[in-house]
Structures are given as C-alpha cells and as structure tokens.
Amino acid sequence: MQFNSDKFECIKYGKNEALKNESTYTTQDGVTIKTEDTVRDLGVLMSSDGTFNAQINKGCATVRNLSSCILRTFKTRQKIPMLTLWKSLVLPHIDYCCQLWSPDRTGQIQTFY
C-alpha cells in the first residue's frame, strides 16, 4: 500500500523538551515528517500541549457564524422555528466528538456564551 507522505503530520507533546527537540520521524521513503503545533484528525484539532483550545475556538466561531446567518436570514423569532433551526444547523457542530474535546474549564465553557 502506498502512503502519501506529503499528508503526514507529527505532533509532539509531553514534559521532556529534549526528547521532543531531538527526535525526528521519517516515512518509508526517507522523508522527514513535519512537526506541527496543531493537527487535525477526524475533524478535531489538537494542540501540541495536549489541549483542544483550537477546537473550542473553531467551534465557537462556527456557532457564532451560523447563529448570525440564521438571525439574518429568518425574520421570525418564534420559539418553534428558532429551536428547529438551532437543532438542525448549529447543534451538530457543538456535539461532534464533544466527548473528546469537551470544555471542562470555566473559561472554555464561557466561550460558547
């Protein structure tokens, strides 16, 4: 099986800075894999410090954009249509893989409000 080595990304996290700086990873072709600060896997962003702050910030921006689009597009502010739009358009972006990146700190939770 052939792998596309251009798509490989490496993320290094942990307390041992010497190990992170000295180690390199290569593909089967001998190409060195780039080390990234943030990588995306299955649509979820993870930082090299082991947090999901980039994912939370991206999710908040998406929710704000979709909410503003809904409020600009629809004139009605009745409860049932707004709830239907929220549940069908916005909530899936919040719920996607939330068990993994769940905001547990107060500052992370408040970014959604």
PDB file of N, CA and C in Angstrom:
ATOM      1  N   MET A   1       0.838  -1.167   0.000  1.00  0.00           N
ATOM      2  CA  MET A   1       0.000   0.000   0.000  1.00  0.00           C
ATOM      3  C   MET A   1       0.891   1.241   0.000  1.00  0.00           C
ATOM      4  N   GLN A   2       0.598   2.183  -0.839  1.00  0.00           N
ATOM      5  CA  GLN A   2       1.348   3.426  -0.922  1.00  0.00           C
ATOM      6  C   GLN A   2       0.693   4.491  -0.051  1.00  0.00           C
ATOM      7  N   PHE A   3       1.485   5.170   0.746  1.00  0.00           N
ATOM      8  CA  PHE A   3       1.007   6.274   1.561  1.00  0.00           C
ATOM      9  C   PHE A   3       1.473   7.579   0.946  1.00  0.00           C
ATOM     10  N   ASN A   4       0.665   8.616   1.085  1.00  0.00           N
ATOM     11  CA  ASN A   4       1.029   9.943   0.612  1.00  0.00           C
ATOM     12  C   ASN A   4       1.815  10.636   1.723  1.00  0.00           C
ATOM     13  N   SER A   5       3.116  10.648   1.612  1.00  0.00           N
ATOM     14  CA  SER A   5       3.954  11.187   2.686  1.00  0.00           C
ATOM     15  C   SER A   5       3.820  12.699   2.838  1.00  0.00           C
ATOM     16  N   ASP A   6       3.242  13.384   1.855  1.00  0.00           N
ATOM     17  CA  ASP A   6       3.031  14.827   1.979  1.00  0.00           C
ATOM     18  C   ASP A   6       1.953  15.149   3.006  1.00  0.00           C
ATOM     19  N   LYS A   7       1.095  14.192   3.312  1.00  0.00           N
ATOM     20  CA  LYS A   7      -0.006  14.426   4.240  1.00  0.00           C
ATOM     21  C   LYS A   7       0.334  14.038   5.680  1.00  0.00           C
ATOM     22  N   PHE A   8       1.507  13.494   5.912  1.00  0.00           N
ATOM     23  CA  PHE A   8       1.898  13.105   7.257  1.00  0.00           C
ATOM     24  C   PHE A   8       2.152  14.341   8.113  1.00  0.00           C
ATOM     25  N   GLU A   9       1.700  14.288   9.359  1.00  0.00           N
ATOM     26  CA  GLU A   9       1.960  15.353  10.322  1.00  0.00           C
ATOM     27  C   GLU A   9       2.358  14.704  11.640  1.00  0.00           C
ATOM     28  N   CYS A  10       3.230  15.355  12.351  1.00  0.00           N
ATOM     29  CA  CYS A  10       3.707  14.844  13.629  1.00  0.00           C
ATOM     30  C   CYS A  10       3.386  15.869  14.710  1.00  0.00           C
ATOM     31  N   ILE A  11       2.863  15.393  15.821  1.00  0.00           N
ATOM     32  CA  ILE A  11       2.629  16.269  16.968  1.00  0.00           C
ATOM     33  C   ILE A  11       3.373  15.662  18.157  1.00  0.00           C
ATOM     34  N   LYS A  12       4.091  16.497  18.853  1.00  0.00           N
ATOM     35  CA  LYS A  12       4.879  16.032  19.990  1.00  0.00           C
ATOM     36  C   LYS A  12       4.388  16.764  21.233  1.00  0.00           C
ATOM     37  N   TYR A  13       3.982  15.994  22.224  1.00  0.00           N
ATOM     38  CA  TYR A  13       3.563  16.604  23.469  1.00  0.00           C
ATOM     39  C   TYR A  13       4.125  15.797  24.621  1.00  0.00           C
ATOM     40  N   GLY A  14       4.298  16.467  25.747  1.00  0.00           N
ATOM     41  CA  GLY A  14       4.887  15.850  26.923  1.00  0.00           C
ATOM     42  C   GLY A  14       5.800  16.837  27.620  1.00  0.00           C
ATOM     43  N   LYS A  15       6.396  16.398  28.710  1.00  0.00           N
ATOM     44  CA  LYS A  15       7.222  17.288  29.522  1.00  0.00           C
ATOM     45  C   LYS A  15       8.692  17.286  29.118  1.00  0.00           C
ATOM     46  N   ASN A  16       9.160  16.249  28.445  1.00  0.00           N
ATOM     47  CA  ASN A  16      10.569  16.109  28.114  1.00  0.00           C
ATOM     48  C   ASN A  16      10.880  16.895  26.827  1.00  0.00           C
ATOM     49  N   GLU A  17      11.316  18.141  27.009  1.00  0.00           N
ATOM     50  CA  GLU A  17      11.600  19.015  25.862  1.00  0.00           C
ATOM     51  C   GLU A  17      12.790  18.503  25.041  1.00  0.00           C
ATOM     52  N   ALA A  18      13.773  17.923  25.697  1.00  0.00           N
ATOM     53  CA  ALA A  18      14.942  17.426  24.981  1.00  0.00           C
ATOM     54  C   ALA A  18      14.543  16.299  24.023  1.00  0.00           C
ATOM     55  N   LEU A  19      13.690  15.425  24.485  1.00  0.00           N
ATOM     56  CA  LEU A  19      13.236  14.321  23.640  1.00  0.00           C
ATOM     57  C   LEU A  19      12.425  14.851  22.456  1.00  0.00           C
ATOM     58  N   LYS A  20      11.585  15.849  22.700  1.00  0.00           N
ATOM     59  CA  LYS A  20      10.781  16.404  21.619  1.00  0.00           C
ATOM     60  C   LYS A  20      11.649  17.103  20.585  1.00  0.00           C
ATOM     61  N   ASN A  21      12.695  17.786  21.012  1.00  0.00           N
ATOM     62  CA  ASN A  21      13.551  18.533  20.088  1.00  0.00           C
ATOM     63  C   ASN A  21      14.517  17.626  19.324  1.00  0.00           C
ATOM     64  N   GLU A  22      14.968  16.550  19.946  1.00  0.00           N
ATOM     65  CA  GLU A  22      15.988  15.709  19.326  1.00  0.00           C
ATOM     66  C   GLU A  22      15.415  14.636  18.403  1.00  0.00           C
ATOM     67  N   SER A  23      14.197  14.192  18.649  1.00  0.00           N
ATOM     68  CA  SER A  23      13.659  13.083  17.864  1.00  0.00           C
ATOM     69  C   SER A  23      13.017  13.579  16.575  1.00  0.00           C
ATOM     70  N   THR A  24      13.219  12.803  15.515  1.00  0.00           N
ATOM     71  CA  THR A  24      12.583  13.077  14.237  1.00  0.00           C
ATOM     72  C   THR A  24      11.980  11.775  13.722  1.00  0.00           C
ATOM     73  N   TYR A  25      10.978  11.911  12.916  1.00  0.00           N
ATOM     74  CA  TYR A  25      10.316  10.751  12.334  1.00  0.00           C
ATOM     75  C   TYR A  25      10.384  10.850  10.828  1.00  0.00           C
ATOM     76  N   THR A  26      10.580   9.711  10.185  1.00  0.00           N
ATOM     77  CA  THR A  26      10.687   9.691   8.729  1.00  0.00           C
ATOM     78  C   THR A  26       9.688   8.696   8.147  1.00  0.00           C
ATOM     79  N   THR A  27       9.371   8.899   6.882  1.00  0.00           N
ATOM     80  CA  THR A  27       8.482   7.986   6.173  1.00  0.00           C
ATOM     81  C   THR A  27       9.293   6.825   5.619  1.00  0.00           C
ATOM     82  N   GLN A  28       8.614   5.913   4.943  1.00  0.00           N
ATOM     83  CA  GLN A  28       9.313   4.785   4.330  1.00  0.00           C
ATOM     84  C   GLN A  28      10.242   5.241   3.223  1.00  0.00           C
ATOM     85  N   ASP A  29       9.933   6.405   2.624  1.00  0.00           N
ATOM     86  CA  ASP A  29      10.770   6.948   1.557  1.00  0.00           C
ATOM     87  C   ASP A  29      11.977   7.714   2.090  1.00  0.00           C
ATOM     88  N   GLY A  30      12.064   7.900   3.407  1.00  0.00           N
ATOM     89  CA  GLY A  30      13.161   8.633   3.999  1.00  0.00           C
ATOM     90  C   GLY A  30      12.896  10.123   4.150  1.00  0.00           C
ATOM     91  N   VAL A  31      11.682  10.569   3.878  1.00  0.00           N
ATOM     92  CA  VAL A  31      11.317  11.978   4.009  1.00  0.00           C
ATOM     93  C   VAL A  31      10.986  12.261   5.468  1.00  0.00           C
ATOM     94  N   THR A  32      11.538  13.348   6.015  1.00  0.00           N
ATOM     95  CA  THR A  32      11.268  13.727   7.394  1.00  0.00           C
ATOM     96  C   THR A  32       9.851  14.275   7.518  1.00  0.00           C
ATOM     97  N   ILE A  33       9.117  13.799   8.527  1.00  0.00           N
ATOM     98  CA  ILE A  33       7.744  14.241   8.759  1.00  0.00           C
ATOM     99  C   ILE A  33       7.773  15.560   9.524  1.00  0.00           C
ATOM    100  N   LYS A  34       6.989  16.529   9.035  1.00  0.00           N
ATOM    101  CA  LYS A  34       6.944  17.852   9.656  1.00  0.00           C
ATOM    102  C   LYS A  34       6.289  17.780  11.027  1.00  0.00           C
ATOM    103  N   THR A  35       6.855  18.532  11.981  1.00  0.00           N
ATOM    104  CA  THR A  35       6.262  18.656  13.301  1.00  0.00           C
ATOM    105  C   THR A  35       5.355  19.874  13.300  1.00  0.00           C
ATOM    106  N   GLU A  36       4.124  19.697  13.754  1.00  0.00           N
ATOM    107  CA  GLU A  36       3.127  20.758  13.760  1.00  0.00           C
ATOM    108  C   GLU A  36       2.736  21.084  15.194  1.00  0.00           C
ATOM    109  N   ASP A  37       2.280  22.316  15.421  1.00  0.00           N
ATOM    110  CA  ASP A  37       1.776  22.705  16.739  1.00  0.00           C
ATOM    111  C   ASP A  37       0.341  22.232  16.937  1.00  0.00           C
ATOM    112  N   THR A  38      -0.431  22.213  15.869  1.00  0.00           N
ATOM    113  CA  THR A  38      -1.824  21.777  15.920  1.00  0.00           C
ATOM    114  C   THR A  38      -2.087  20.853  14.744  1.00  0.00           C
ATOM    115  N   VAL A  39      -2.688  19.705  15.027  1.00  0.00           N
ATOM    116  CA  VAL A  39      -3.035  18.770  13.965  1.00  0.00           C
ATOM    117  C   VAL A  39      -4.527  18.485  14.014  1.00  0.00           C
ATOM    118  N   ARG A  40      -5.065  18.107  12.856  1.00  0.00           N
ATOM    119  CA  ARG A  40      -6.482  17.784  12.750  1.00  0.00           C
ATOM    120  C   ARG A  40      -6.610  16.315  12.402  1.00  0.00           C
ATOM    121  N   ASP A  41      -7.386  15.610  13.205  1.00  0.00           N
ATOM    122  CA  ASP A  41      -7.662  14.207  12.938  1.00  0.00           C
ATOM    123  C   ASP A  41      -9.152  13.978  13.126  1.00  0.00           C
ATOM    124  N   LEU A  42      -9.800  13.482  12.091  1.00  0.00           N
ATOM    125  CA  LEU A  42     -11.247  13.258  12.094  1.00  0.00           C
ATOM    126  C   LEU A  42     -12.017  14.535  12.404  1.00  0.00           C
ATOM    127  N   GLY A  43     -11.488  15.662  11.974  1.00  0.00           N
ATOM    128  CA  GLY A  43     -12.185  16.932  12.147  1.00  0.00           C
ATOM    129  C   GLY A  43     -11.983  17.584  13.494  1.00  0.00           C
ATOM    130  N   VAL A  44     -11.159  17.020  14.356  1.00  0.00           N
ATOM    131  CA  VAL A  44     -10.925  17.575  15.686  1.00  0.00           C
ATOM    132  C   VAL A  44      -9.493  18.082  15.745  1.00  0.00           C
ATOM    133  N   LEU A  45      -9.318  19.310  16.213  1.00  0.00           N
ATOM    134  CA  LEU A  45      -7.992  19.924  16.325  1.00  0.00           C
ATOM    135  C   LEU A  45      -7.402  19.653  17.702  1.00  0.00           C
ATOM    136  N   MET A  46      -6.142  19.240  17.741  1.00  0.00           N
ATOM    137  CA  MET A  46      -5.433  19.026  18.998  1.00  0.00           C
ATOM    138  C   MET A  46      -4.121  19.774  18.956  1.00  0.00           C
ATOM    139  N   SER A  47      -3.796  20.455  20.052  1.00  0.00           N
ATOM    140  CA  SER A  47      -2.562  21.234  20.136  1.00  0.00           C
ATOM    141  C   SER A  47      -1.435  20.384  20.696  1.00  0.00           C
ATOM    142  N   SER A  48      -0.221  20.868  20.518  1.00  0.00           N
ATOM    143  CA  SER A  48       0.945  20.128  20.998  1.00  0.00           C
ATOM    144  C   SER A  48       1.052  20.136  22.520  1.00  0.00           C
ATOM    145  N   ASP A  49       0.299  21.007  23.188  1.00  0.00           N
ATOM    146  CA  ASP A  49       0.305  20.993  24.653  1.00  0.00           C
ATOM    147  C   ASP A  49      -0.762  20.062  25.220  1.00  0.00           C
ATOM    148  N   GLY A  50      -1.447  19.313  24.356  1.00  0.00           N
ATOM    149  CA  GLY A  50      -2.419  18.322  24.801  1.00  0.00           C
ATOM    150  C   GLY A  50      -3.811  18.870  25.042  1.00  0.00           C
ATOM    151  N   THR A  51      -4.050  20.112  24.669  1.00  0.00           N
ATOM    152  CA  THR A  51      -5.369  20.704  24.873  1.00  0.00           C
ATOM    153  C   THR A  51      -6.126  20.777  23.555  1.00  0.00           C
ATOM    154  N   PHE A  52      -7.379  21.093  23.665  1.00  0.00           N
ATOM    155  CA  PHE A  52      -8.242  21.220  22.497  1.00  0.00           C
ATOM    156  C   PHE A  52      -8.740  22.661  22.355  1.00  0.00           C
ATOM    157  N   ASN A  53      -7.940  23.634  22.782  1.00  0.00           N
ATOM    158  CA  ASN A  53      -8.353  25.035  22.720  1.00  0.00           C
ATOM    159  C   ASN A  53      -8.617  25.490  21.288  1.00  0.00           C
ATOM    160  N   ALA A  54      -7.836  25.017  20.343  1.00  0.00           N
ATOM    161  CA  ALA A  54      -8.058  25.393  18.946  1.00  0.00           C
ATOM    162  C   ALA A  54      -9.405  24.857  18.465  1.00  0.00           C
ATOM    163  N   GLN A  55      -9.758  23.644  18.876  1.00  0.00           N
ATOM    164  CA  GLN A  55     -11.051  23.065  18.502  1.00  0.00           C
ATOM    165  C   GLN A  55     -12.193  23.857  19.124  1.00  0.00           C
ATOM    166  N   ILE A  56     -12.053  24.242  20.377  1.00  0.00           N
ATOM    167  CA  ILE A  56     -13.097  25.000  21.065  1.00  0.00           C
ATOM    168  C   ILE A  56     -13.274  26.362  20.411  1.00  0.00           C
ATOM    169  N   ASN A  57     -12.175  27.031  20.099  1.00  0.00           N
ATOM    170  CA  ASN A  57     -12.268  28.337  19.445  1.00  0.00           C
ATOM    171  C   ASN A  57     -12.880  28.225  18.053  1.00  0.00           C
ATOM    172  N   LYS A  58     -12.512  27.197  17.311  1.00  0.00           N
ATOM    173  CA  LYS A  58     -13.085  26.989  15.980  1.00  0.00           C
ATOM    174  C   LYS A  58     -14.577  26.683  16.083  1.00  0.00           C
ATOM    175  N   GLY A  59     -14.951  25.858  17.043  1.00  0.00           N
ATOM    176  CA  GLY A  59     -16.360  25.530  17.237  1.00  0.00           C
ATOM    177  C   GLY A  59     -17.183  26.744  17.622  1.00  0.00           C
ATOM    178  N   CYS A  60     -16.633  27.599  18.476  1.00  0.00           N
ATOM    179  CA  CYS A  60     -17.335  28.824  18.874  1.00  0.00           C
ATOM    180  C   CYS A  60     -17.517  29.759  17.685  1.00  0.00           C
ATOM    181  N   ALA A  61     -16.499  29.886  16.869  1.00  0.00           N
ATOM    182  CA  ALA A  61     -16.604  30.751  15.693  1.00  0.00           C
ATOM    183  C   ALA A  61     -17.654  30.219  14.721  1.00  0.00           C
ATOM    184  N   THR A  62     -17.688  28.909  14.535  1.00  0.00           N
ATOM    185  CA  THR A  62     -18.682  28.307  13.645  1.00  0.00           C
ATOM    186  C   THR A  62     -20.091  28.521  14.172  1.00  0.00           C
ATOM    187  N   VAL A  63     -20.268  28.329  15.477  1.00  0.00           N
ATOM    188  CA  VAL A  63     -21.584  28.527  16.090  1.00  0.00           C
ATOM    189  C   VAL A  63     -22.026  29.978  15.954  1.00  0.00           C
ATOM    190  N   ARG A  64     -21.129  30.901  16.185  1.00  0.00           N
ATOM    191  CA  ARG A  64     -21.480  32.327  16.052  1.00  0.00           C
ATOM    192  C   ARG A  64     -21.850  32.669  14.611  1.00  0.00           C
ATOM    193  N   ASN A  65     -21.086  32.164  13.664  1.00  0.00           N
ATOM    194  CA  ASN A  65     -21.377  32.428  12.250  1.00  0.00           C
ATOM    195  C   ASN A  65     -22.720  31.852  11.828  1.00  0.00           C
ATOM    196  N   LEU A  66     -22.990  30.621  12.224  1.00  0.00           N
ATOM    197  CA  LEU A  66     -24.265  30.004  11.862  1.00  0.00           C
ATOM    198  C   LEU A  66     -25.434  30.708  12.542  1.00  0.00           C
ATOM    199  N   SER A  67     -25.253  31.076  13.802  1.00  0.00           N
ATOM    200  CA  SER A  67     -26.328  31.778  14.514  1.00  0.00           C
ATOM    201  C   SER A  67     -26.625  33.121  13.876  1.00  0.00           C
ATOM    202  N   SER A  68     -25.587  33.853  13.515  1.00  0.00           N
ATOM    203  CA  SER A  68     -25.818  35.153  12.879  1.00  0.00           C
ATOM    204  C   SER A  68     -26.446  34.984  11.501  1.00  0.00           C
ATOM    205  N   CYS A  69     -26.075  33.936  10.783  1.00  0.00           N
ATOM    206  CA  CYS A  69     -26.678  33.665   9.482  1.00  0.00           C
ATOM    207  C   CYS A  69     -28.165  33.345   9.632  1.00  0.00           C
ATOM    208  N   ILE A  70     -28.502  32.549  10.631  1.00  0.00           N
ATOM    209  CA  ILE A  70     -29.910  32.223  10.882  1.00  0.00           C
ATOM    210  C   ILE A  70     -30.696  33.478  11.236  1.00  0.00           C
ATOM    211  N   LEU A  71     -30.151  34.302  12.117  1.00  0.00           N
ATOM    212  CA  LEU A  71     -30.859  35.514  12.539  1.00  0.00           C
ATOM    213  C   LEU A  71     -30.980  36.531  11.410  1.00  0.00           C
ATOM    214  N   ARG A  72     -30.002  36.566  10.499  1.00  0.00           N
ATOM    215  CA  ARG A  72     -30.093  37.463   9.346  1.00  0.00           C
ATOM    216  C   ARG A  72     -31.096  36.973   8.316  1.00  0.00           C
ATOM    217  N   THR A  73     -31.172  35.658   8.157  1.00  0.00           N
ATOM    218  CA  THR A  73     -31.965  35.087   7.078  1.00  0.00           C
ATOM    219  C   THR A  73     -33.457  35.017   7.410  1.00  0.00           C
ATOM    220  N   PHE A  74     -33.774  34.639   8.639  1.00  0.00           N
ATOM    221  CA  PHE A  74     -35.169  34.423   9.006  1.00  0.00           C
ATOM    222  C   PHE A  74     -35.687  35.596   9.831  1.00  0.00           C
ATOM    223  N   LYS A  75     -36.840  36.102   9.433  1.00  0.00           N
ATOM    224  CA  LYS A  75     -37.440  37.247  10.099  1.00  0.00           C
ATOM    225  C   LYS A  75     -38.138  36.842  11.392  1.00  0.00           C
ATOM    226  N   THR A  76     -38.699  35.658  11.420  1.00  0.00           N
ATOM    227  CA  THR A  76     -39.444  35.207  12.588  1.00  0.00           C
ATOM    228  C   THR A  76     -38.506  34.929  13.766  1.00  0.00           C
ATOM    229  N   ARG A  77     -39.022  35.185  14.966  1.00  0.00           N
ATOM    230  CA  ARG A  77     -38.288  34.869  16.197  1.00  0.00           C
ATOM    231  C   ARG A  77     -39.138  33.979  17.095  1.00  0.00           C
ATOM    232  N   GLN A  78     -40.077  33.277  16.469  1.00  0.00           N
ATOM    233  CA  GLN A  78     -40.914  32.376  17.245  1.00  0.00           C
ATOM    234  C   GLN A  78     -40.084  31.198  17.739  1.00  0.00           C
ATOM    235  N   LYS A  79     -40.541  30.634  18.848  1.00  0.00           N
ATOM    236  CA  LYS A  79     -39.760  29.612  19.539  1.00  0.00           C
ATOM    237  C   LYS A  79     -39.553  28.344  18.695  1.00  0.00           C
ATOM    238  N   ILE A  80     -40.591  27.807  18.097  1.00  0.00           N
ATOM    239  CA  ILE A  80     -40.506  26.525  17.381  1.00  0.00           C
ATOM    240  C   ILE A  80     -39.585  26.607  16.156  1.00  0.00           C
ATOM    241  N   PRO A  81     -39.732  27.589  15.286  1.00  0.00           N
ATOM    242  CA  PRO A  81     -38.803  27.637  14.141  1.00  0.00           C
ATOM    243  C   PRO A  81     -37.346  27.878  14.547  1.00  0.00           C
ATOM    244  N   MET A  82     -37.125  28.734  15.551  1.00  0.00           N
ATOM    245  CA  MET A  82     -35.762  29.003  16.010  1.00  0.00           C
ATOM    246  C   MET A  82     -35.138  27.753  16.623  1.00  0.00           C
ATOM    247  N   LEU A  83     -35.921  27.014  17.403  1.00  0.00           N
ATOM    248  CA  LEU A  83     -35.412  25.779  18.006  1.00  0.00           C
ATOM    249  C   LEU A  83     -35.103  24.739  16.941  1.00  0.00           C
ATOM    250  N   THR A  84     -35.944  24.640  15.935  1.00  0.00           N
ATOM    251  CA  THR A  84     -35.723  23.686  14.851  1.00  0.00           C
ATOM    252  C   THR A  84     -34.449  24.032  14.083  1.00  0.00           C
ATOM    253  N   LEU A  85     -34.258  25.300  13.780  1.00  0.00           N
ATOM    254  CA  LEU A  85     -33.048  25.729  13.083  1.00  0.00           C
ATOM    255  C   LEU A  85     -31.806  25.490  13.942  1.00  0.00           C
ATOM    256  N   TRP A  86     -31.895  25.792  15.230  1.00  0.00           N
ATOM    257  CA  TRP A  86     -30.777  25.580  16.143  1.00  0.00           C
ATOM    258  C   TRP A  86     -30.394  24.106  16.189  1.00  0.00           C
ATOM    259  N   LYS A  87     -31.393  23.251  16.365  1.00  0.00           N
ATOM    260  CA  LYS A  87     -31.113  21.817  16.499  1.00  0.00           C
ATOM    261  C   LYS A  87     -30.614  21.193  15.201  1.00  0.00           C
ATOM    262  N   SER A  88     -31.070  21.694  14.073  1.00  0.00           N
ATOM    263  CA  SER A  88     -30.674  21.071  12.815  1.00  0.00           C
ATOM    264  C   SER A  88     -29.395  21.654  12.222  1.00  0.00           C
ATOM    265  N   LEU A  89     -29.095  22.928  12.473  1.00  0.00           N
ATOM    266  CA  LEU A  89     -27.938  23.556  11.837  1.00  0.00           C
ATOM    267  C   LEU A  89     -26.768  23.806  12.783  1.00  0.00           C
ATOM    268  N   VAL A  90     -27.041  24.210  14.007  1.00  0.00           N
ATOM    269  CA  VAL A  90     -25.972  24.648  14.909  1.00  0.00           C
ATOM    270  C   VAL A  90     -25.521  23.536  15.849  1.00  0.00           C
ATOM    271  N   LEU A  91     -26.455  22.864  16.462  1.00  0.00           N
ATOM    272  CA  LEU A  91     -26.128  21.861  17.474  1.00  0.00           C
ATOM    273  C   LEU A  91     -25.216  20.734  16.975  1.00  0.00           C
ATOM    274  N   PRO A  92     -25.338  20.261  15.738  1.00  0.00           N
ATOM    275  CA  PRO A  92     -24.391  19.226  15.283  1.00  0.00           C
ATOM    276  C   PRO A  92     -22.929  19.667  15.330  1.00  0.00           C
ATOM    277  N   HIS A  93     -22.657  20.946  15.139  1.00  0.00           N
ATOM    278  CA  HIS A  93     -21.271  21.435  15.209  1.00  0.00           C
ATOM    279  C   HIS A  93     -20.756  21.435  16.643  1.00  0.00           C
ATOM    280  N   ILE A  94     -21.649  21.635  17.591  1.00  0.00           N
ATOM    281  CA  ILE A  94     -21.249  21.598  19.004  1.00  0.00           C
ATOM    282  C   ILE A  94     -21.083  20.153  19.464  1.00  0.00           C
ATOM    283  N   ASP A  95     -21.973  19.283  19.035  1.00  0.00           N
ATOM    284  CA  ASP A  95     -21.985  17.907  19.521  1.00  0.00           C
ATOM    285  C   ASP A  95     -20.952  17.000  18.876  1.00  0.00           C
ATOM    286  N   TYR A  96     -20.396  17.384  17.732  1.00  0.00           N
ATOM    287  CA  TYR A  96     -19.478  16.489  17.030  1.00  0.00           C
ATOM    288  C   TYR A  96     -18.248  16.194  17.879  1.00  0.00           C
ATOM    289  N   CYS A  97     -18.100  14.975  18.288  1.00  0.00           N
ATOM    290  CA  CYS A  97     -16.942  14.479  19.043  1.00  0.00           C
ATOM    291  C   CYS A  97     -16.724  15.253  20.345  1.00  0.00           C
ATOM    292  N   CYS A  98     -17.811  15.734  20.947  1.00  0.00           N
ATOM    293  CA  CYS A  98     -17.675  16.557  22.153  1.00  0.00           C
ATOM    294  C   CYS A  98     -17.194  15.755  23.358  1.00  0.00           C
ATOM    295  N   GLN A  99     -17.319  14.433  23.329  1.00  0.00           N
ATOM    296  CA  GLN A  99     -16.797  13.624  24.431  1.00  0.00           C
ATOM    297  C   GLN A  99     -15.281  13.721  24.503  1.00  0.00           C
ATOM    298  N   LEU A 100     -14.646  13.927  23.381  1.00  0.00           N
ATOM    299  CA  LEU A 100     -13.190  14.021  23.334  1.00  0.00           C
ATOM    300  C   LEU A 100     -12.698  15.408  23.727  1.00  0.00           C
ATOM    301  N   TRP A 101     -13.248  16.443  23.115  1.00  0.00           N
ATOM    302  CA  TRP A 101     -12.726  17.796  23.331  1.00  0.00           C
ATOM    303  C   TRP A 101     -13.549  18.605  24.320  1.00  0.00           C
ATOM    304  N   SER A 102     -14.376  17.962  25.127  1.00  0.00           N
ATOM    305  CA  SER A 102     -15.332  18.662  25.978  1.00  0.00           C
ATOM    306  C   SER A 102     -14.662  19.766  26.794  1.00  0.00           C
ATOM    307  N   PRO A 103     -15.241  20.964  26.758  1.00  0.00           N
ATOM    308  CA  PRO A 103     -14.695  22.055  27.561  1.00  0.00           C
ATOM    309  C   PRO A 103     -14.999  21.810  29.029  1.00  0.00           C
ATOM    310  N   ASP A 104     -13.959  21.717  29.855  1.00  0.00           N
ATOM    311  CA  ASP A 104     -14.166  21.436  31.263  1.00  0.00           C
ATOM    312  C   ASP A 104     -13.751  22.593  32.163  1.00  0.00           C
ATOM    313  N   ARG A 105     -13.056  23.541  31.628  1.00  0.00           N
ATOM    314  CA  ARG A 105     -12.650  24.700  32.422  1.00  0.00           C
ATOM    315  C   ARG A 105     -13.663  25.823  32.224  1.00  0.00           C
ATOM    316  N   THR A 106     -13.780  26.681  33.233  1.00  0.00           N
ATOM    317  CA  THR A 106     -14.779  27.743  33.197  1.00  0.00           C
ATOM    318  C   THR A 106     -14.589  28.665  31.996  1.00  0.00           C
ATOM    319  N   GLY A 107     -13.366  29.032  31.684  1.00  0.00           N
ATOM    320  CA  GLY A 107     -13.097  29.905  30.550  1.00  0.00           C
ATOM    321  C   GLY A 107     -13.475  29.272  29.220  1.00  0.00           C
ATOM    322  N   GLN A 108     -13.261  27.963  29.113  1.00  0.00           N
ATOM    323  CA  GLN A 108     -13.620  27.269  27.881  1.00  0.00           C
ATOM    324  C   GLN A 108     -15.128  27.187  27.703  1.00  0.00           C
ATOM    325  N   ILE A 109     -15.836  26.964  28.786  1.00  0.00           N
ATOM    326  CA  ILE A 109     -17.291  26.868  28.728  1.00  0.00           C
ATOM    327  C   ILE A 109     -17.901  28.219  28.392  1.00  0.00           C
ATOM    328  N   GLN A 110     -17.326  29.283  28.944  1.00  0.00           N
ATOM    329  CA  GLN A 110     -17.878  30.627  28.718  1.00  0.00           C
ATOM    330  C   GLN A 110     -17.650  31.119  27.292  1.00  0.00           C
ATOM    331  N   THR A 111     -16.724  30.532  26.562  1.00  0.00           N
ATOM    332  CA  THR A 111     -16.515  30.956  25.191  1.00  0.00           C
ATOM    333  C   THR A 111     -17.709  30.623  24.310  1.00  0.00           C
ATOM    334  N   PHE A 112     -18.519  29.660  24.716  1.00  0.00           N
ATOM    335  CA  PHE A 112     -19.701  29.305  23.943  1.00  0.00           C
ATOM    336  C   PHE A 112     -20.862  30.265  24.190  1.00  0.00           C
ATOM    337  N   TYR A 113     -20.763  31.138  25.183  1.00  0.00           N
ATOM    338  CA  TYR A 113     -21.872  32.050  25.500  1.00  0.00           C
ATOM    339  C   TYR A 113     -21.573  33.455  25.106  1.00  0.00           C
TER     340      TYR A 113
END
